[in-house]
PDB file of N, CA and C in Angstrom:
ATOM      1  N   MET A   1      57.961  18.170  59.195  1.00  0.00           N
ATOM      2  CA  MET A   1      59.114  18.287  60.063  1.00  0.00           C
ATOM      3  C   MET A   1      58.711  18.971  61.366  1.00  0.00           C
ATOM      4  N   ALA A   2      59.269  18.503  62.437  1.00  0.00           N
ATOM      5  CA  ALA A   2      58.975  19.069  63.753  1.00  0.00           C
ATOM      6  C   ALA A   2      59.625  20.441  63.897  1.00  0.00           C
ATOM      7  N   GLU A   3      59.087  21.223  64.805  1.00  0.00           N
ATOM      8  CA  GLU A   3      59.665  22.539  65.077  1.00  0.00           C
ATOM      9  C   GLU A   3      61.015  22.362  65.767  1.00  0.00           C
ATOM     10  N   PRO A   4      61.929  23.319  65.575  1.00  0.00           N
ATOM     11  CA  PRO A   4      63.222  23.226  66.247  1.00  0.00           C
ATOM     12  C   PRO A   4      63.072  23.357  67.762  1.00  0.00           C
ATOM     13  N   VAL A   5      64.028  22.784  68.460  1.00  0.00           N
ATOM     14  CA  VAL A   5      64.072  22.873  69.916  1.00  0.00           C
ATOM     15  C   VAL A   5      65.015  24.020  70.263  1.00  0.00           C
ATOM     16  N   GLY A   6      64.577  24.936  71.119  1.00  0.00           N
ATOM     17  CA  GLY A   6      65.413  26.054  71.532  1.00  0.00           C
ATOM     18  C   GLY A   6      66.059  25.780  72.879  1.00  0.00           C
ATOM     19  N   PHE A   7      67.320  26.162  73.016  1.00  0.00           N
ATOM     20  CA  PHE A   7      68.045  25.956  74.260  1.00  0.00           C
ATOM     21  C   PHE A   7      68.751  27.240  74.644  1.00  0.00           C
ATOM     22  N   VAL A   8      68.513  27.717  75.846  1.00  0.00           N
ATOM     23  CA  VAL A   8      69.216  28.886  76.367  1.00  0.00           C
ATOM     24  C   VAL A   8      70.202  28.372  77.398  1.00  0.00           C
ATOM     25  N   GLY A   9      71.467  28.516  77.098  1.00  0.00           N
ATOM     26  CA  GLY A   9      72.511  28.037  77.996  1.00  0.00           C
ATOM     27  C   GLY A   9      72.988  26.654  77.607  1.00  0.00           C
ATOM     28  N   VAL A  10      74.227  26.585  77.144  1.00  0.00           N
ATOM     29  CA  VAL A  10      74.791  25.293  76.761  1.00  0.00           C
ATOM     30  C   VAL A  10      76.089  25.052  77.529  1.00  0.00           C
ATOM     31  N   GLY A  11      75.983  25.235  78.821  1.00  0.00           N
ATOM     32  CA  GLY A  11      77.130  25.017  79.701  1.00  0.00           C
ATOM     33  C   GLY A  11      77.187  23.580  80.183  1.00  0.00           C
ATOM     34  N   ARG A  12      77.479  23.421  81.431  1.00  0.00           N
ATOM     35  CA  ARG A  12      77.683  22.101  82.027  1.00  0.00           C
ATOM     36  C   ARG A  12      76.476  21.177  81.869  1.00  0.00           C
ATOM     37  N   MET A  13      75.275  21.690  82.021  1.00  0.00           N
ATOM     38  CA  MET A  13      74.070  20.855  81.860  1.00  0.00           C
ATOM     39  C   MET A  13      73.510  20.904  80.448  1.00  0.00           C
ATOM     40  N   GLY A  14      73.493  22.087  79.859  1.00  0.00           N
ATOM     41  CA  GLY A  14      72.860  22.252  78.561  1.00  0.00           C
ATOM     42  C   GLY A  14      73.583  21.563  77.418  1.00  0.00           C
ATOM     43  N   ALA A  15      74.908  21.599  77.420  1.00  0.00           N
ATOM     44  CA  ALA A  15      75.680  21.022  76.315  1.00  0.00           C
ATOM     45  C   ALA A  15      75.395  19.529  76.116  1.00  0.00           C
ATOM     46  N   PRO A  16      75.417  18.708  77.174  1.00  0.00           N
ATOM     47  CA  PRO A  16      75.105  17.293  76.960  1.00  0.00           C
ATOM     48  C   PRO A  16      73.680  17.071  76.444  1.00  0.00           C
ATOM     49  N   MET A  17      72.744  17.891  76.892  1.00  0.00           N
ATOM     50  CA  MET A  17      71.363  17.747  76.417  1.00  0.00           C
ATOM     51  C   MET A  17      71.264  18.102  74.938  1.00  0.00           C
ATOM     52  N   VAL A  18      71.951  19.167  74.531  1.00  0.00           N
ATOM     53  CA  VAL A  18      71.941  19.554  73.117  1.00  0.00           C
ATOM     54  C   VAL A  18      72.591  18.460  72.271  1.00  0.00           C
ATOM     55  N   ARG A  19      73.715  17.919  72.728  1.00  0.00           N
ATOM     56  CA  ARG A  19      74.373  16.832  71.977  1.00  0.00           C
ATOM     57  C   ARG A  19      73.445  15.641  71.796  1.00  0.00           C
ATOM     58  N   ARG A  20      72.712  15.311  72.824  1.00  0.00           N
ATOM     59  CA  ARG A  20      71.793  14.166  72.740  1.00  0.00           C
ATOM     60  C   ARG A  20      70.644  14.452  71.765  1.00  0.00           C
ATOM     61  N   LEU A  21      70.095  15.653  71.811  1.00  0.00           N
ATOM     62  CA  LEU A  21      69.036  16.023  70.865  1.00  0.00           C
ATOM     63  C   LEU A  21      69.548  15.946  69.430  1.00  0.00           C
ATOM     64  N   LEU A  22      70.757  16.453  69.193  1.00  0.00           N
ATOM     65  CA  LEU A  22      71.336  16.398  67.852  1.00  0.00           C
ATOM     66  C   LEU A  22      71.544  14.956  67.400  1.00  0.00           C
ATOM     67  N   ALA A  23      72.003  14.112  68.309  1.00  0.00           N
ATOM     68  CA  ALA A  23      72.229  12.699  67.979  1.00  0.00           C
ATOM     69  C   ALA A  23      70.939  11.997  67.582  1.00  0.00           C
ATOM     70  N   HIS A  24      69.817  12.488  68.076  1.00  0.00           N
ATOM     71  CA  HIS A  24      68.521  11.884  67.762  1.00  0.00           C
ATOM     72  C   HIS A  24      67.799  12.610  66.633  1.00  0.00           C
ATOM     73  N   GLY A  25      68.517  13.497  65.946  1.00  0.00           N
ATOM     74  CA  GLY A  25      67.980  14.108  64.745  1.00  0.00           C
ATOM     75  C   GLY A  25      67.161  15.371  64.912  1.00  0.00           C
ATOM     76  N   TYR A  26      67.154  15.943  66.090  1.00  0.00           N
ATOM     77  CA  TYR A  26      66.400  17.180  66.306  1.00  0.00           C
ATOM     78  C   TYR A  26      67.151  18.377  65.732  1.00  0.00           C
ATOM     79  N   GLU A  27      66.406  19.357  65.247  1.00  0.00           N
ATOM     80  CA  GLU A  27      66.981  20.634  64.853  1.00  0.00           C
ATOM     81  C   GLU A  27      67.008  21.489  66.116  1.00  0.00           C
ATOM     82  N   VAL A  28      68.164  22.073  66.422  1.00  0.00           N
ATOM     83  CA  VAL A  28      68.331  22.794  67.679  1.00  0.00           C
ATOM     84  C   VAL A  28      68.800  24.227  67.413  1.00  0.00           C
ATOM     85  N   VAL A  29      68.223  25.165  68.155  1.00  0.00           N
ATOM     86  CA  VAL A  29      68.637  26.568  68.140  1.00  0.00           C
ATOM     87  C   VAL A  29      69.152  26.875  69.538  1.00  0.00           C
ATOM     88  N   ILE A  30      70.365  27.440  69.619  1.00  0.00           N
ATOM     89  CA  ILE A  30      70.925  27.709  70.945  1.00  0.00           C
ATOM     90  C   ILE A  30      71.276  29.182  71.115  1.00  0.00           C
ATOM     91  N   ARG A  31      71.355  29.570  72.382  1.00  0.00           N
ATOM     92  CA  ARG A  31      71.781  30.922  72.751  1.00  0.00           C
ATOM     93  C   ARG A  31      72.519  30.821  74.078  1.00  0.00           C
ATOM     94  N   ASP A  32      73.636  31.502  74.155  1.00  0.00           N
ATOM     95  CA  ASP A  32      74.413  31.521  75.392  1.00  0.00           C
ATOM     96  C   ASP A  32      75.229  32.807  75.412  1.00  0.00           C
ATOM     97  N   VAL A  33      75.412  33.391  76.578  1.00  0.00           N
ATOM     98  CA  VAL A  33      76.202  34.615  76.686  1.00  0.00           C
ATOM     99  C   VAL A  33      77.695  34.335  76.556  1.00  0.00           C
ATOM    100  N   ASN A  34      78.082  33.084  76.700  1.00  0.00           N
ATOM    101  CA  ASN A  34      79.480  32.678  76.632  1.00  0.00           C
ATOM    102  C   ASN A  34      79.782  32.125  75.234  1.00  0.00           C
ATOM    103  N   ASP A  35      80.555  32.867  74.448  1.00  0.00           N
ATOM    104  CA  ASP A  35      80.890  32.430  73.089  1.00  0.00           C
ATOM    105  C   ASP A  35      81.622  31.091  73.072  1.00  0.00           C
ATOM    106  N   ALA A  36      82.442  30.833  74.079  1.00  0.00           N
ATOM    107  CA  ALA A  36      83.178  29.571  74.135  1.00  0.00           C
ATOM    108  C   ALA A  36      82.235  28.381  74.296  1.00  0.00           C
ATOM    109  N   ALA A  37      81.109  28.585  74.943  1.00  0.00           N
ATOM    110  CA  ALA A  37      80.152  27.491  75.147  1.00  0.00           C
ATOM    111  C   ALA A  37      79.472  27.086  73.846  1.00  0.00           C
ATOM    112  N   VAL A  38      79.229  28.046  72.949  1.00  0.00           N
ATOM    113  CA  VAL A  38      78.546  27.722  71.690  1.00  0.00           C
ATOM    114  C   VAL A  38      79.510  27.256  70.606  1.00  0.00           C
ATOM    115  N   ALA A  39      80.800  27.534  70.763  1.00  0.00           N
ATOM    116  CA  ALA A  39      81.791  27.202  69.732  1.00  0.00           C
ATOM    117  C   ALA A  39      81.731  25.748  69.255  1.00  0.00           C
ATOM    118  N   PRO A  40      81.605  24.753  70.132  1.00  0.00           N
ATOM    119  CA  PRO A  40      81.577  23.367  69.652  1.00  0.00           C
ATOM    120  C   PRO A  40      80.358  23.029  68.788  1.00  0.00           C
ATOM    121  N   PHE A  41      79.335  23.866  68.820  1.00  0.00           N
ATOM    122  CA  PHE A  41      78.093  23.574  68.107  1.00  0.00           C
ATOM    123  C   PHE A  41      77.923  24.394  66.827  1.00  0.00           C
ATOM    124  N   LYS A  42      78.879  25.265  66.508  1.00  0.00           N
ATOM    125  CA  LYS A  42      78.713  26.218  65.396  1.00  0.00           C
ATOM    126  C   LYS A  42      78.336  25.561  64.073  1.00  0.00           C
ATOM    127  N   GLU A  43      78.813  24.377  63.793  1.00  0.00           N
ATOM    128  CA  GLU A  43      78.530  23.709  62.517  1.00  0.00           C
ATOM    129  C   GLU A  43      77.230  22.911  62.543  1.00  0.00           C
ATOM    130  N   GLN A  44      76.659  22.686  63.715  1.00  0.00           N
ATOM    131  CA  GLN A  44      75.519  21.784  63.837  1.00  0.00           C
ATOM    132  C   GLN A  44      74.187  22.456  64.129  1.00  0.00           C
ATOM    133  N   VAL A  45      74.209  23.657  64.660  1.00  0.00           N
ATOM    134  CA  VAL A  45      72.967  24.284  65.111  1.00  0.00           C
ATOM    135  C   VAL A  45      72.880  25.732  64.650  1.00  0.00           C
ATOM    136  N   GLU A  46      71.674  26.292  64.755  1.00  0.00           N
ATOM    137  CA  GLU A  46      71.504  27.727  64.552  1.00  0.00           C
ATOM    138  C   GLU A  46      71.820  28.391  65.886  1.00  0.00           C
ATOM    139  N   ILE A  47      72.625  29.436  65.834  1.00  0.00           N
ATOM    140  CA  ILE A  47      73.006  30.137  67.062  1.00  0.00           C
ATOM    141  C   ILE A  47      72.397  31.527  67.031  1.00  0.00           C
ATOM    142  N   ARG A  48      71.619  31.847  68.053  1.00  0.00           N
ATOM    143  CA  ARG A  48      71.041  33.189  68.174  1.00  0.00           C
ATOM    144  C   ARG A  48      72.057  34.081  68.854  1.00  0.00           C
ATOM    145  N   GLU A  49      72.259  35.234  68.279  1.00  0.00           N
ATOM    146  CA  GLU A  49      73.229  36.178  68.833  1.00  0.00           C
ATOM    147  C   GLU A  49      72.705  36.810  70.113  1.00  0.00           C
ATOM    148  N   LYS A  50      73.619  37.284  70.931  1.00  0.00           N
ATOM    149  CA  LYS A  50      73.256  37.965  72.174  1.00  0.00           C
ATOM    150  C   LYS A  50      72.370  39.162  71.871  1.00  0.00           C
ATOM    151  N   GLY A  51      71.290  39.282  72.603  1.00  0.00           N
ATOM    152  CA  GLY A  51      70.409  40.427  72.467  1.00  0.00           C
ATOM    153  C   GLY A  51      69.573  40.432  71.200  1.00  0.00           C
ATOM    154  N   GLY A  52      69.623  39.350  70.438  1.00  0.00           N
ATOM    155  CA  GLY A  52      68.900  39.295  69.177  1.00  0.00           C
ATOM    156  C   GLY A  52      67.405  39.128  69.324  1.00  0.00           C
ATOM    157  N   GLY A  53      66.986  38.434  70.362  1.00  0.00           N
ATOM    158  CA  GLY A  53      65.559  38.173  70.533  1.00  0.00           C
ATOM    159  C   GLY A  53      65.000  37.404  69.360  1.00  0.00           C
ATOM    160  N   ARG A  54      63.754  37.648  69.046  1.00  0.00           N
ATOM    161  CA  ARG A  54      63.137  36.961  67.905  1.00  0.00           C
ATOM    162  C   ARG A  54      63.403  37.703  66.686  1.00  0.00           C
TER     163      ARG A  54
END
């Protein structure tokens, strides 16, 4: 299995890119300072908490 793709920022540009990666079967990890931006992805991706780092 391929390594997950990490995305910082899932706003106006990031969200469509994450949706496309998910549609093509990629495992995606996201992080965003805006909780509302990550809400649509909560069931589909791993979400890194603010300030969590590695």
